[in-house]
Amino acid sequence: MGRSFNALWFGTGAANLGDGIALFVLPLLALGVGASPGGVAMVTAALTLAWPVFGLHAGWIVDRVDRRLLLGGVNLLRALLLAGVGVAFLTGTLSLGGLIAAAILLGAAETLVDTALTSTIPLVVGPDGHTRANARIEATVNLANQLAGPPLAGLLAAVSLVLATALSAGLYALAVAGLALLALRRSPAGGGDTRVAAGFRHLWRQPVVRRLTLFTAAMNIPWAVSTALFVVYAVTPGPLGLTPAQYGLILTGMAVGGLVASAVVDRLTKRFGVIRLLIADAVGTVLLVAPVAVGAPVWVVVAGALVAGAGSSVWRILVATIRQRLSPPDLLGRVYAASRMISWGVIPISAALAGGAAEIWGVRAVFAGATVISLVVLVAFTLDATIRLPYISGNQMVAINGGVPMAFPDRIERTVHIGRPQEQVWAAITTAEGLGTWFGEAAEGEVKVGGTVELSWQSGDTARLRVERLDPQSVFAYSWHIYGLPENDPRRTYVEFTLTPDAEGTSLTVVETGFAQLDHDEHAKAYDGNTRGWKSELDELVAYVNG
C-alpha cells in the first residue's frame, strides 16, 4: 500500500491503543478523586458528548485544513492533555470538574481524528485499494482499542493510575511521530461548497449513501439494546448465570470476530459480492438479539454474538468504502461526520428507552422488540439492496452477481459542450417537455427526487426513470431498467448528469454506472447499446438546445 498508508496505519494503531487505555482509565481516575457513581457516569457521558454537538463542525474543519497537520496536531494535544491529567492526579490537584472538562476535550479530539482518518484514506491509497485499506484500519482499531487497550490498562492501573495515564499520553505522542512520514497522493480538493451542513445535504441527496446511513441507524437500535441490557441478562443473577470474567470473554470474542472478519473481508467481497455481505451482517444483527428474546441456551447466545461482532466490522468496512467513492473529496469529512451523527445518534436514545422499558416489561421483552426491529430491517434492506442499490457496483466496486471483479467496463462517460446558458440546458434535461423532445418522443411524470418519469416512442417502446438526485442547476440523476434485460429483472443502472458553466456556455457530463453486475452476454448487449445510444441522444440534446 505504500509508505504513506503505513504511516497512517501506524499512527492509527498507536492512537487507538492510547484511546483504549484512556477510556479504561478515566472512570478509575474519577473514582480516585472521590466521585460518586453519578460523577463517574458524567465522565463517561462527557466522552460521547462531542459527536451530537460538534460532529458536523468537525467534518467542516477536516475538509478545510491540511489533514496531516490536523492528525498530528490533535494527537499532540491529546498527549499533552492526558499528561496534564496524570500530573494533576499525582499532585492531588485533579478535580471531578477538571476531569469532565478533559473528557469533553478528548471526545472532541476523537471526532476530529476519526473524521480525518476516513477522509485521508482516499488521499493515500488508490481506488482499488480502498477496501483493503479500510479493512486494515478496522482490524487495527479492534485490536488496539478493544482487545489490547483495556487489559493493558488494567494491568498498569493495578500498579499506578498515573503510569497508565502516562502510557496513553506517550502513545498519542508516538502516533504524531508516525504520522510525520505521511505524504498525500494528492491534496484535499479546495473550493466547492464551504458550508458546515454541505456534507449532510450531499448525504441526503446521494441515494446510496443516504440509504446505507439510514439502515445503519436502524440496525444500531438492536445494537443499543444489546449494549445496554445484555450484561443484565448474562451476568449472575441474570438468566445466563455467567461470571463477569465469562461475560468479558464474550465481548473479547466479538472483538476477535471483528478482527478476523477485517482480515478476510477483501477476499469475501471478491467471492460473494458487496450486497451479499451487507445482507449477511443484517442477519448477524438478528442473531445478536433473537437468542436472548427466545431464551436460547448460552452457547446459542454466544454464537449469535460472535457472528454479529464479525458482521458489524464487515458492514463498517464496506460502507466506509462506498461512502469514500460516492462523496466528493472536498465534502468527504462532512459527509462522514453527518453519517456518523445520524447512525450513532440513535444509540444513546435507544439505550435509554431500552432501560426504561426493561424496568416495566423485563429484559427479554425488550430483546423481543429489538428482534422484531432487526427482522423488519433485514427484510427491508434485502429488498432495497437487491432492487434499488445494485449500481453501487459502479465506481469500480466488485460486481454483485458472483462477486468477482469484471474484466469489462462498468462505466460509460461522455462530455459535451453546449453554447447556451446553464439554466437553459438544465430545463432541457429536467422537464417533461425537454425530455420528451430530445430523449424520447413523449414524456410524462414529475421530475422530483423519488418521482418517476416515463418516456415513450411511437414504436411502442418505453423507459421509466426513477429520479434519485436533483441538485438545482447542477446535478440530475436517475436509475433505470437495463437495456436487453427482461422487464421483470430488478437490476438497474445509475445515470448522472452534471452541469458546469464554461467559456462556451455549459459543459454537460453524463456518467452511467452499474454494468459490472451483468454477465458477459448481458454486458455486451447493454454496454454497447447504451454507448451508441448516449452518443446519439446527446447529439440530439445539443441540437435541441441550440435549435
Protein backbone atom coordinates (compact mmCIF):
# COMPACT_ATOMS: atom_id res chain seq x y z
CA MET A 1 0.00 0.00 0.00
CA GLY A 2 2.99 2.31 0.29
CA ARG A 3 4.84 4.28 2.93
CA SER A 4 2.15 6.91 3.39
CA PHE A 5 -0.55 4.39 4.18
CA ASN A 6 1.82 2.56 6.52
CA ALA A 7 2.47 5.83 8.34
CA LEU A 8 -1.29 6.42 8.65
CA TRP A 9 -1.76 2.80 9.76
CA PHE A 10 0.96 3.03 12.40
CA GLY A 11 -0.39 6.33 13.71
CA THR A 12 -3.89 4.86 13.88
CA GLY A 13 -2.65 1.85 15.84
CA ALA A 14 -0.69 3.90 18.36
CA ALA A 15 -3.51 6.42 18.85
CA ASN A 16 -6.19 3.74 19.23
CA LEU A 17 -4.12 1.86 21.79
CA GLY A 18 -3.93 5.18 23.62
CA ASP A 19 -7.72 5.50 23.26
CA GLY A 20 -8.33 2.04 24.68
CA ILE A 21 -6.20 2.80 27.72
CA ALA A 22 -7.71 6.27 28.23
CA LEU A 23 -11.30 5.01 28.06
CA PHE A 24 -10.49 2.44 30.74
CA VAL A 25 -8.53 4.77 33.00
CA LEU A 26 -10.71 7.90 33.03
CA PRO A 27 -13.56 6.35 35.09
CA LEU A 28 -10.94 4.97 37.51
CA LEU A 29 -9.44 8.43 37.86
CA ALA A 30 -12.94 9.70 38.67
CA LEU A 31 -13.20 7.15 41.46
CA GLY A 32 -9.71 8.16 42.55
CA VAL A 33 -10.81 11.75 43.13
CA GLY A 34 -13.81 10.57 45.17
CA ALA A 35 -16.56 10.83 42.55
CA SER A 36 -19.95 9.27 43.21
CA PRO A 37 -21.42 6.74 40.73
CA GLY A 38 -23.23 9.65 39.11
CA GLY A 39 -19.98 11.54 38.78
CA VAL A 40 -18.31 8.54 37.13
CA ALA A 41 -21.23 8.32 34.70
CA MET A 42 -20.81 12.02 33.90
CA VAL A 43 -17.18 11.40 32.88
CA THR A 44 -18.26 8.55 30.60
CA ALA A 45 -21.08 10.63 29.11
CA ALA A 46 -18.72 13.56 28.54
CA LEU A 47 -16.60 11.37 26.26
CA THR A 48 -19.59 10.81 23.94
CA LEU A 49 -20.96 14.35 24.01
CA ALA A 50 -18.87 15.64 21.11
CA TRP A 51 -20.48 13.74 18.22
CA PRO A 52 -24.01 15.18 18.53
CA VAL A 53 -22.73 18.65 19.49
CA PHE A 54 -19.54 19.03 17.47
CA GLY A 55 -19.74 16.37 14.75
CA LEU A 56 -20.77 18.50 11.75
CA HIS A 57 -18.23 21.18 12.67
CA ALA A 58 -15.52 18.52 12.94
CA GLY A 59 -16.31 17.48 9.38
CA TRP A 60 -16.10 21.10 8.21
CA ILE A 61 -12.70 21.53 9.89
CA VAL A 62 -11.37 18.33 8.31
CA ASP A 63 -12.46 19.46 4.85
CA ARG A 64 -10.83 22.89 5.22
CA VAL A 65 -7.37 22.17 6.71
CA ASP A 66 -4.32 20.05 5.92
CA ARG A 67 -5.22 16.59 7.26
CA ARG A 68 -1.61 15.70 8.03
CA LEU A 69 -1.25 18.71 10.29
CA LEU A 70 -4.67 18.09 11.82
CA LEU A 71 -3.97 14.44 12.69
CA GLY A 72 -0.56 15.28 14.11
CA GLY A 73 -1.70 18.37 15.97
CA VAL A 74 -4.76 16.79 17.58
CA ASN A 75 -2.80 13.74 18.72
CA LEU A 76 -0.15 16.04 20.19
CA LEU A 77 -2.84 17.95 22.08
CA ARG A 78 -4.28 14.66 23.38
CA ALA A 79 -0.82 13.67 24.61
CA LEU A 80 -0.37 16.97 26.43
CA LEU A 81 -3.89 16.86 27.87
CA LEU A 82 -3.51 13.37 29.33
CA ALA A 83 -0.04 14.19 30.59
CA GLY A 84 -1.56 17.15 32.41
CA VAL A 85 -4.31 14.95 33.88
CA GLY A 86 -1.68 12.50 35.12
CA VAL A 87 0.38 15.23 36.73
CA ALA A 88 -2.70 16.75 38.37
CA PHE A 89 -3.72 13.37 39.80
CA LEU A 90 -0.20 12.72 41.05
CA THR A 91 -0.04 16.10 42.81
CA GLY A 92 -3.57 15.82 44.22
CA THR A 93 -4.90 18.83 42.29
CA LEU A 94 -7.22 16.93 39.91
CA SER A 95 -10.92 17.64 40.46
CA LEU A 96 -14.01 15.95 39.04
CA GLY A 97 -14.83 19.12 37.10
CA GLY A 98 -11.37 19.17 35.57
CA LEU A 99 -11.66 15.50 34.63
CA ILE A 100 -15.05 16.08 32.97
CA ALA A 101 -13.58 19.01 31.02
CA ALA A 102 -10.70 16.80 29.91
CA ALA A 103 -13.17 14.10 28.83
CA ILE A 104 -15.12 16.62 26.75
CA LEU A 105 -11.92 17.77 25.02
CA LEU A 106 -10.83 14.19 24.39
CA GLY A 107 -14.24 13.45 22.87
CA ALA A 108 -13.97 16.47 20.58
CA ALA A 109 -10.47 15.35 19.58
CA GLU A 110 -11.83 11.90 18.72
CA THR A 111 -14.39 13.39 16.32
CA LEU A 112 -11.61 15.23 14.50
CA VAL A 113 -9.24 12.25 14.36
CA ASP A 114 -11.87 9.72 13.27
CA THR A 115 -13.24 12.03 10.59
CA ALA A 116 -9.77 12.94 9.33
CA LEU A 117 -8.75 9.27 9.25
CA THR A 118 -11.57 8.06 6.99
CA SER A 119 -11.20 11.17 4.81
CA THR A 120 -7.44 10.70 4.39
CA ILE A 121 -7.52 7.09 3.15
CA PRO A 122 -8.57 8.11 -0.42
CA LEU A 123 -5.65 10.56 -0.44
CA VAL A 124 -3.00 7.91 0.26
CA VAL A 125 -4.48 4.81 -1.43
CA GLY A 126 -5.81 4.38 -4.96
CA PRO A 127 -9.47 3.39 -5.55
CA ASP A 128 -8.63 -0.30 -5.99
CA GLY A 129 -7.07 -0.39 -2.52
CA HIS A 130 -9.86 1.32 -0.55
CA THR A 131 -11.46 -1.89 0.76
CA ARG A 132 -8.11 -3.36 1.86
CA ALA A 133 -7.10 -0.09 3.50
CA ASN A 134 -10.39 0.26 5.37
CA ALA A 135 -10.14 -3.39 6.46
CA ARG A 136 -6.64 -2.90 7.88
CA ILE A 137 -7.72 0.23 9.74
CA GLU A 138 -10.81 -1.54 11.13
CA ALA A 139 -8.73 -4.53 12.25
CA THR A 140 -6.21 -2.22 13.91
CA VAL A 141 -8.94 -0.32 15.76
CA ASN A 142 -10.45 -3.60 17.01
CA LEU A 143 -7.08 -4.95 18.10
CA ALA A 144 -5.73 -1.82 19.77
CA ASN A 145 -8.88 -0.21 21.15
CA GLN A 146 -10.92 -3.23 22.23
CA LEU A 147 -8.55 -6.17 22.66
CA ALA A 148 -5.18 -4.80 23.77
CA GLY A 149 -6.03 -1.44 25.34
CA PRO A 150 -8.37 -2.38 28.23
CA PRO A 151 -6.40 -5.36 29.62
CA LEU A 152 -3.11 -3.45 29.31
CA ALA A 153 -4.70 -0.51 31.09
CA GLY A 154 -5.97 -2.84 33.80
CA LEU A 155 -2.50 -4.25 34.41
CA LEU A 156 -0.92 -0.80 34.57
CA ALA A 157 -3.72 0.65 36.72
CA ALA A 158 -3.13 -2.13 39.27
CA VAL A 159 0.36 -0.68 39.66
CA SER A 160 -0.43 3.03 39.26
CA LEU A 161 -3.15 5.08 37.59
CA VAL A 162 -0.51 7.68 36.79
CA LEU A 163 1.52 5.05 34.92
CA ALA A 164 -1.49 4.02 32.83
CA THR A 165 -2.31 7.65 32.06
CA ALA A 166 1.30 8.38 31.11
CA LEU A 167 1.41 5.43 28.71
CA SER A 168 -1.75 6.66 26.98
CA ALA A 169 -0.19 10.11 26.59
CA GLY A 170 3.02 8.55 25.27
CA LEU A 171 1.13 6.51 22.66
CA TYR A 172 -0.56 9.66 21.35
CA ALA A 173 2.88 11.24 21.04
CA LEU A 174 4.16 8.13 19.24
CA ALA A 175 1.26 8.48 16.78
CA VAL A 176 2.48 12.00 15.98
CA ALA A 177 5.93 10.64 15.15
CA GLY A 178 4.45 8.02 12.81
CA LEU A 179 2.17 10.50 11.06
CA ALA A 180 5.17 12.72 10.31
CA LEU A 181 6.03 10.27 7.50
CA LEU A 182 2.62 10.69 5.88
CA ALA A 183 2.58 12.09 2.34
CA LEU A 184 -0.68 12.51 0.44
CA ARG A 185 -1.05 11.24 -3.14
CA ARG A 186 -3.00 14.41 -3.79
CA SER A 187 -4.11 17.35 -1.71
CA PRO A 188 -7.68 17.63 -0.47
CA ALA A 189 -9.84 19.39 -3.03
CA GLY A 190 -10.17 23.07 -2.48
CA GLY A 191 -13.09 25.35 -3.23
CA GLY A 192 -16.56 23.89 -3.57
CA ASP A 193 -19.32 24.32 -1.01
CA THR A 194 -17.77 25.59 2.22
CA ARG A 195 -20.91 25.42 4.40
CA VAL A 196 -20.92 23.29 7.55
CA ALA A 197 -24.11 21.46 6.52
CA ALA A 198 -22.97 20.78 2.94
CA GLY A 199 -21.96 17.22 3.84
CA PHE A 200 -25.41 16.50 5.23
CA ARG A 201 -27.01 17.88 2.06
CA HIS A 202 -24.84 15.70 -0.13
CA LEU A 203 -25.55 12.64 2.02
CA TRP A 204 -29.28 13.19 1.78
CA ARG A 205 -29.22 13.76 -1.97
CA GLN A 206 -26.91 10.81 -2.71
CA PRO A 207 -29.32 7.84 -2.74
CA VAL A 208 -26.85 5.08 -1.91
CA VAL A 209 -25.07 6.90 0.93
CA ARG A 210 -28.42 8.09 2.34
CA ARG A 211 -29.92 4.59 2.35
CA LEU A 212 -26.86 2.98 3.91
CA THR A 213 -26.74 5.66 6.61
CA LEU A 214 -30.41 5.17 7.48
CA PHE A 215 -30.10 1.39 7.52
CA THR A 216 -27.04 1.70 9.76
CA ALA A 217 -29.05 3.85 12.16
CA ALA A 218 -31.91 1.33 12.12
CA MET A 219 -29.59 -1.59 12.88
CA ASN A 220 -27.96 0.39 15.68
CA ILE A 221 -31.25 0.26 17.60
CA PRO A 222 -30.96 -3.50 18.36
CA TRP A 223 -27.24 -3.00 18.99
CA ALA A 224 -28.02 -0.26 21.53
CA VAL A 225 -30.47 -2.59 23.28
CA SER A 226 -27.82 -5.31 23.49
CA THR A 227 -25.12 -2.91 24.68
CA ALA A 228 -27.37 -1.56 27.43
CA LEU A 229 -29.02 -4.76 28.66
CA PHE A 230 -27.01 -7.83 27.67
CA VAL A 231 -24.86 -7.57 30.79
CA VAL A 232 -28.01 -7.68 32.94
CA TYR A 233 -29.19 -10.85 31.17
CA ALA A 234 -25.79 -12.55 31.03
CA VAL A 235 -24.12 -11.96 34.40
CA THR A 236 -25.32 -13.57 37.67
CA PRO A 237 -28.06 -13.14 38.89
CA GLY A 238 -29.19 -12.88 35.25
CA PRO A 239 -30.67 -15.94 33.48
CA LEU A 240 -27.38 -16.99 31.85
CA GLY A 241 -25.60 -17.00 35.21
CA LEU A 242 -22.18 -16.00 33.84
CA THR A 243 -19.36 -14.54 35.90
CA PRO A 244 -18.02 -11.10 34.99
CA ALA A 245 -14.91 -12.79 33.56
CA GLN A 246 -17.03 -15.03 31.33
CA TYR A 247 -19.04 -12.03 30.18
CA GLY A 248 -15.78 -10.27 29.35
CA LEU A 249 -14.73 -13.25 27.25
CA ILE A 250 -17.89 -12.89 25.15
CA LEU A 251 -17.07 -9.24 24.45
CA THR A 252 -13.50 -10.24 23.65
CA GLY A 253 -14.78 -12.93 21.31
CA MET A 254 -16.91 -10.36 19.47
CA ALA A 255 -13.86 -8.18 19.02
CA VAL A 256 -11.83 -11.16 17.79
CA GLY A 257 -14.64 -11.98 15.34
CA GLY A 258 -14.43 -8.44 14.03
CA LEU A 259 -10.66 -8.71 13.75
CA VAL A 260 -10.86 -11.95 11.75
CA ALA A 261 -13.60 -10.57 9.52
CA SER A 262 -11.50 -7.49 8.83
CA ALA A 263 -8.61 -9.68 7.73
CA VAL A 264 -10.66 -11.61 5.17
CA VAL A 265 -13.24 -9.05 4.02
CA ASP A 266 -11.41 -8.29 0.77
CA ARG A 267 -11.44 -11.96 -0.22
CA LEU A 268 -15.06 -12.35 0.91
CA THR A 269 -16.05 -9.36 -1.20
CA LYS A 270 -14.46 -10.87 -4.31
CA ARG A 271 -16.11 -14.22 -3.61
CA PHE A 272 -19.63 -13.17 -2.59
CA GLY A 273 -20.04 -9.51 -3.57
CA VAL A 274 -20.79 -6.37 -1.58
CA ILE A 275 -24.56 -6.74 -1.37
CA ARG A 276 -24.50 -10.32 -0.10
CA LEU A 277 -22.04 -9.40 2.66
CA LEU A 278 -24.15 -6.43 3.76
CA ILE A 279 -27.24 -8.66 3.91
CA ALA A 280 -25.25 -11.21 5.92
CA ASP A 281 -24.48 -8.53 8.51
CA ALA A 282 -28.17 -7.68 8.76
CA VAL A 283 -28.72 -11.37 9.55
CA GLY A 284 -25.99 -11.09 12.19
CA THR A 285 -27.90 -8.27 13.87
CA VAL A 286 -30.92 -10.56 14.18
CA LEU A 287 -28.70 -13.24 15.72
CA LEU A 288 -27.40 -10.70 18.25
CA VAL A 289 -30.80 -10.22 19.91
CA ALA A 290 -33.08 -13.11 18.91
CA PRO A 291 -31.41 -15.81 21.07
CA VAL A 292 -31.96 -13.71 24.20
CA ALA A 293 -35.55 -12.98 23.19
CA VAL A 294 -36.41 -16.69 22.91
CA GLY A 295 -34.40 -17.79 25.95
CA ALA A 296 -31.92 -19.86 23.94
CA PRO A 297 -29.09 -21.83 25.61
CA VAL A 298 -25.93 -19.95 26.45
CA TRP A 299 -23.94 -21.42 23.54
CA VAL A 300 -26.54 -20.13 21.06
CA VAL A 301 -26.46 -16.67 22.62
CA VAL A 302 -22.66 -16.63 22.47
CA ALA A 303 -22.58 -17.89 18.87
CA GLY A 304 -25.03 -15.18 17.80
CA ALA A 305 -22.92 -12.51 19.48
CA LEU A 306 -19.74 -13.72 17.76
CA VAL A 307 -21.40 -13.72 14.33
CA ALA A 308 -22.78 -10.24 14.97
CA GLY A 309 -19.36 -8.95 16.01
CA ALA A 310 -17.79 -10.21 12.79
CA GLY A 311 -20.62 -8.86 10.64
CA SER A 312 -20.51 -5.39 12.15
CA SER A 313 -16.86 -5.00 11.14
CA VAL A 314 -17.65 -6.10 7.59
CA TRP A 315 -20.52 -3.59 7.40
CA ARG A 316 -18.36 -0.70 8.62
CA ILE A 317 -15.57 -1.51 6.16
CA LEU A 318 -17.82 -1.82 3.11
CA VAL A 319 -19.99 1.19 3.94
CA ALA A 320 -16.88 3.32 4.51
CA THR A 321 -15.53 2.27 1.10
CA ILE A 322 -18.83 3.05 -0.63
CA ARG A 323 -19.07 6.43 1.09
CA GLN A 324 -15.50 7.33 0.11
CA ARG A 325 -16.18 6.50 -3.54
CA LEU A 326 -19.51 8.29 -3.79
CA SER A 327 -18.57 11.51 -1.98
CA PRO A 328 -16.67 14.47 -3.47
CA PRO A 329 -13.19 14.81 -1.91
CA ASP A 330 -13.93 18.32 -0.70
CA LEU A 331 -17.01 17.08 1.20
CA LEU A 332 -15.79 13.72 2.49
CA GLY A 333 -15.11 14.88 6.05
CA ARG A 334 -18.52 16.50 6.38
CA VAL A 335 -20.30 13.55 4.76
CA TYR A 336 -18.65 11.14 7.23
CA ALA A 337 -19.49 13.38 10.17
CA ALA A 338 -23.12 13.71 9.08
CA SER A 339 -23.40 9.97 8.54
CA ARG A 340 -21.98 9.20 11.97
CA MET A 341 -24.20 11.76 13.67
CA ILE A 342 -27.29 10.11 12.20
CA SER A 343 -26.25 6.49 12.62
CA TRP A 344 -24.77 6.90 16.10
CA GLY A 345 -27.31 9.45 17.28
CA VAL A 346 -29.91 6.74 17.80
CA ILE A 347 -27.68 4.76 20.20
CA PRO A 348 -27.99 6.80 23.43
CA ILE A 349 -31.70 7.39 22.84
CA SER A 350 -32.37 3.72 22.14
CA ALA A 351 -30.29 2.61 25.12
CA ALA A 352 -32.16 4.95 27.45
CA LEU A 353 -35.56 3.79 26.14
CA ALA A 354 -34.45 0.16 26.43
CA GLY A 355 -33.51 0.65 30.07
CA GLY A 356 -36.87 2.22 30.89
CA ALA A 357 -38.77 -0.46 29.00
CA ALA A 358 -36.85 -3.22 30.80
CA GLU A 359 -37.95 -1.81 34.15
CA ILE A 360 -41.59 -2.16 33.04
CA TRP A 361 -41.72 -5.29 30.87
CA GLY A 362 -38.46 -7.10 31.59
CA VAL A 363 -35.22 -7.65 29.68
CA ARG A 364 -36.40 -10.47 27.41
CA ALA A 365 -39.44 -8.47 26.29
CA VAL A 366 -37.18 -5.61 25.23
CA PHE A 367 -34.95 -8.05 23.32
CA ALA A 368 -38.10 -9.42 21.65
CA GLY A 369 -38.93 -5.91 20.47
CA ALA A 370 -35.37 -5.48 19.24
CA THR A 371 -35.68 -8.78 17.35
CA VAL A 372 -38.81 -7.54 15.58
CA ILE A 373 -36.99 -4.36 14.59
CA SER A 374 -33.96 -6.30 13.34
CA LEU A 375 -36.17 -8.63 11.25
CA VAL A 376 -38.01 -5.69 9.69
CA VAL A 377 -34.67 -4.05 8.89
CA LEU A 378 -33.35 -7.30 7.39
CA VAL A 379 -36.36 -7.72 5.09
CA ALA A 380 -36.40 -4.04 4.11
CA PHE A 381 -32.66 -3.94 3.43
CA THR A 382 -32.71 -7.18 1.43
CA LEU A 383 -35.47 -5.84 -0.81
CA ASP A 384 -33.84 -2.44 -1.14
CA ALA A 385 -30.36 -3.85 -1.74
CA THR A 386 -31.42 -6.28 -4.45
CA ILE A 387 -33.71 -3.85 -6.26
CA ARG A 388 -32.50 -0.31 -5.56
CA LEU A 389 -28.77 -0.47 -4.71
CA PRO A 390 -27.16 -2.61 -7.40
CA TYR A 391 -25.49 0.36 -9.02
CA ILE A 392 -23.10 0.66 -6.06
CA SER A 393 -21.05 -1.81 -8.06
CA GLY A 394 -20.19 1.21 -10.18
CA ASN A 395 -17.19 3.35 -9.25
CA GLN A 396 -15.02 0.25 -9.63
CA MET A 397 -16.70 -1.80 -6.88
CA VAL A 398 -16.97 -5.53 -7.41
CA ALA A 399 -19.95 -6.98 -9.23
CA ILE A 400 -22.91 -8.23 -7.24
CA ASN A 401 -23.64 -11.30 -9.32
CA GLY A 402 -20.96 -13.83 -8.39
CA GLY A 403 -18.94 -11.22 -6.51
CA VAL A 404 -15.91 -11.32 -8.80
CA PRO A 405 -14.26 -8.31 -10.41
CA MET A 406 -15.30 -7.95 -14.03
CA ALA A 407 -12.80 -7.59 -16.85
CA PHE A 408 -15.14 -5.47 -18.96
CA PRO A 409 -16.06 -1.82 -18.40
CA ASP A 410 -18.58 -0.75 -15.77
CA ARG A 411 -18.92 2.89 -16.76
CA ILE A 412 -19.99 4.98 -19.75
CA GLU A 413 -18.98 8.63 -19.66
CA ARG A 414 -19.38 11.37 -22.22
CA THR A 415 -18.98 15.15 -22.02
CA VAL A 416 -20.46 17.67 -24.45
CA HIS A 417 -20.17 21.44 -24.62
CA ILE A 418 -23.32 23.42 -25.35
CA GLY A 419 -23.21 27.06 -26.27
CA ARG A 420 -26.19 28.01 -24.13
CA PRO A 421 -26.65 29.17 -20.51
CA GLN A 422 -26.71 26.56 -17.77
CA GLU A 423 -30.36 27.33 -16.96
CA GLN A 424 -31.45 26.50 -20.50
CA VAL A 425 -29.59 23.18 -20.52
CA TRP A 426 -31.00 22.33 -17.09
CA ALA A 427 -34.55 22.88 -18.34
CA ALA A 428 -33.90 20.58 -21.29
CA ILE A 429 -32.89 17.64 -19.09
CA THR A 430 -35.25 18.10 -16.12
CA THR A 431 -38.63 18.90 -17.64
CA ALA A 432 -41.11 16.57 -19.28
CA GLU A 433 -41.24 18.90 -22.29
CA GLY A 434 -37.47 18.77 -22.76
CA LEU A 435 -37.06 15.05 -22.12
CA GLY A 436 -39.95 14.25 -24.42
CA THR A 437 -38.30 16.15 -27.26
CA TRP A 438 -34.64 15.11 -27.38
CA PHE A 439 -34.62 11.90 -25.27
CA GLY A 440 -37.97 10.32 -26.10
CA GLU A 441 -40.87 11.28 -28.32
CA ALA A 442 -43.08 11.94 -25.29
CA ALA A 443 -42.52 12.17 -21.53
CA GLU A 444 -44.88 12.12 -18.57
CA GLY A 445 -44.25 12.42 -14.86
CA GLU A 446 -42.88 14.73 -12.21
CA VAL A 447 -39.16 15.40 -12.01
CA LYS A 448 -38.56 15.28 -8.27
CA VAL A 449 -36.48 13.02 -6.03
CA GLY A 450 -38.39 9.75 -5.73
CA GLY A 451 -40.60 10.65 -8.68
CA THR A 452 -40.96 8.70 -11.91
CA VAL A 453 -40.76 9.94 -15.48
CA GLU A 454 -41.91 7.68 -18.30
CA LEU A 455 -40.50 8.16 -21.79
CA SER A 456 -42.27 6.68 -24.80
CA TRP A 457 -41.71 6.35 -28.53
CA GLN A 458 -44.07 5.81 -31.44
CA SER A 459 -42.57 2.33 -31.86
CA GLY A 460 -44.24 1.37 -28.57
CA ASP A 461 -41.02 1.26 -26.57
CA THR A 462 -40.99 2.89 -23.11
CA ALA A 463 -38.42 3.72 -20.47
CA ARG A 464 -39.15 4.52 -16.83
CA LEU A 465 -36.72 6.79 -14.96
CA ARG A 466 -36.76 6.96 -11.17
CA VAL A 467 -35.30 10.29 -10.07
CA GLU A 468 -32.58 9.73 -7.45
CA ARG A 469 -30.89 13.11 -7.15
CA LEU A 470 -31.76 16.67 -8.09
CA ASP A 471 -29.32 19.47 -7.22
CA PRO A 472 -30.81 22.55 -8.91
CA GLN A 473 -28.88 23.71 -11.95
CA SER A 474 -26.03 21.26 -11.36
CA VAL A 475 -26.82 17.52 -10.92
CA PHE A 476 -29.70 15.36 -12.18
CA ALA A 477 -29.57 11.59 -11.60
CA TYR A 478 -31.89 8.65 -12.08
CA SER A 479 -31.87 4.86 -12.11
CA TRP A 480 -33.49 2.86 -14.88
CA HIS A 481 -34.01 -0.60 -16.31
CA ILE A 482 -31.02 -2.09 -18.13
CA TYR A 483 -31.35 -2.41 -21.89
CA GLY A 484 -31.68 -6.01 -23.03
CA LEU A 485 -32.87 -7.49 -19.71
CA PRO A 486 -36.40 -8.84 -19.13
CA GLU A 487 -38.90 -6.28 -17.88
CA ASN A 488 -39.23 -8.01 -14.51
CA ASP A 489 -35.47 -8.04 -13.88
CA PRO A 490 -34.80 -5.77 -10.83
CA ARG A 491 -31.29 -4.71 -11.82
CA ARG A 492 -30.77 -1.06 -12.68
CA THR A 493 -28.00 1.28 -13.77
CA TYR A 494 -27.45 4.74 -12.36
CA VAL A 495 -27.23 7.75 -14.68
CA GLU A 496 -25.93 11.13 -13.53
CA PHE A 497 -25.90 14.41 -15.49
CA THR A 498 -23.52 17.11 -14.18
CA LEU A 499 -23.64 20.69 -15.46
CA THR A 500 -20.84 23.23 -15.06
CA PRO A 501 -20.52 26.63 -16.74
CA ASP A 502 -17.61 27.10 -19.16
CA ALA A 503 -16.34 29.73 -21.55
CA GLU A 504 -18.57 28.42 -24.37
CA GLY A 505 -21.72 28.17 -22.29
CA THR A 506 -22.27 24.90 -20.43
CA SER A 507 -20.30 21.69 -20.05
CA LEU A 508 -22.52 18.63 -19.60
CA THR A 509 -21.11 15.28 -18.43
CA VAL A 510 -23.19 12.11 -18.41
CA VAL A 511 -21.99 9.06 -16.45
CA GLU A 512 -23.84 5.72 -16.39
CA THR A 513 -22.57 3.04 -13.97
CA GLY A 514 -23.65 -0.43 -12.90
CA PHE A 515 -22.82 -2.62 -15.91
CA ALA A 516 -20.41 -4.78 -13.88
CA GLN A 517 -23.37 -6.60 -12.34
CA LEU A 518 -24.13 -8.22 -15.73
CA ASP A 519 -22.79 -11.45 -17.13
CA HIS A 520 -20.78 -11.47 -20.37
CA ASP A 521 -23.64 -11.71 -22.87
CA GLU A 522 -25.86 -9.26 -20.98
CA HIS A 523 -22.99 -6.79 -20.70
CA ALA A 524 -22.12 -6.98 -24.39
CA LYS A 525 -25.65 -6.02 -25.37
CA ALA A 526 -26.37 -3.39 -22.71
CA TYR A 527 -22.99 -1.66 -22.62
CA ASP A 528 -22.51 -1.49 -26.38
CA GLY A 529 -26.12 -0.45 -26.94
CA ASN A 530 -26.03 2.33 -24.36
CA THR A 531 -22.62 3.55 -25.56
CA ARG A 532 -24.07 4.06 -29.04
CA GLY A 533 -27.29 5.39 -27.55
CA TRP A 534 -25.65 8.12 -25.48
CA LYS A 535 -23.71 9.39 -28.47
CA SER A 536 -26.92 9.67 -30.47
CA GLU A 537 -29.06 11.08 -27.65
CA LEU A 538 -26.56 13.72 -26.57
CA ASP A 539 -26.14 14.84 -30.16
CA GLU A 540 -29.91 15.29 -30.22
CA LEU A 541 -29.78 17.21 -26.94
CA VAL A 542 -27.17 19.61 -28.30
CA ALA A 543 -29.24 20.15 -31.44
CA TYR A 544 -32.41 20.68 -29.39
CA VAL A 545 -30.87 23.25 -27.01
CA ASN A 546 -29.02 25.09 -29.79
CA GLY A 547 -32.05 24.97 -32.05
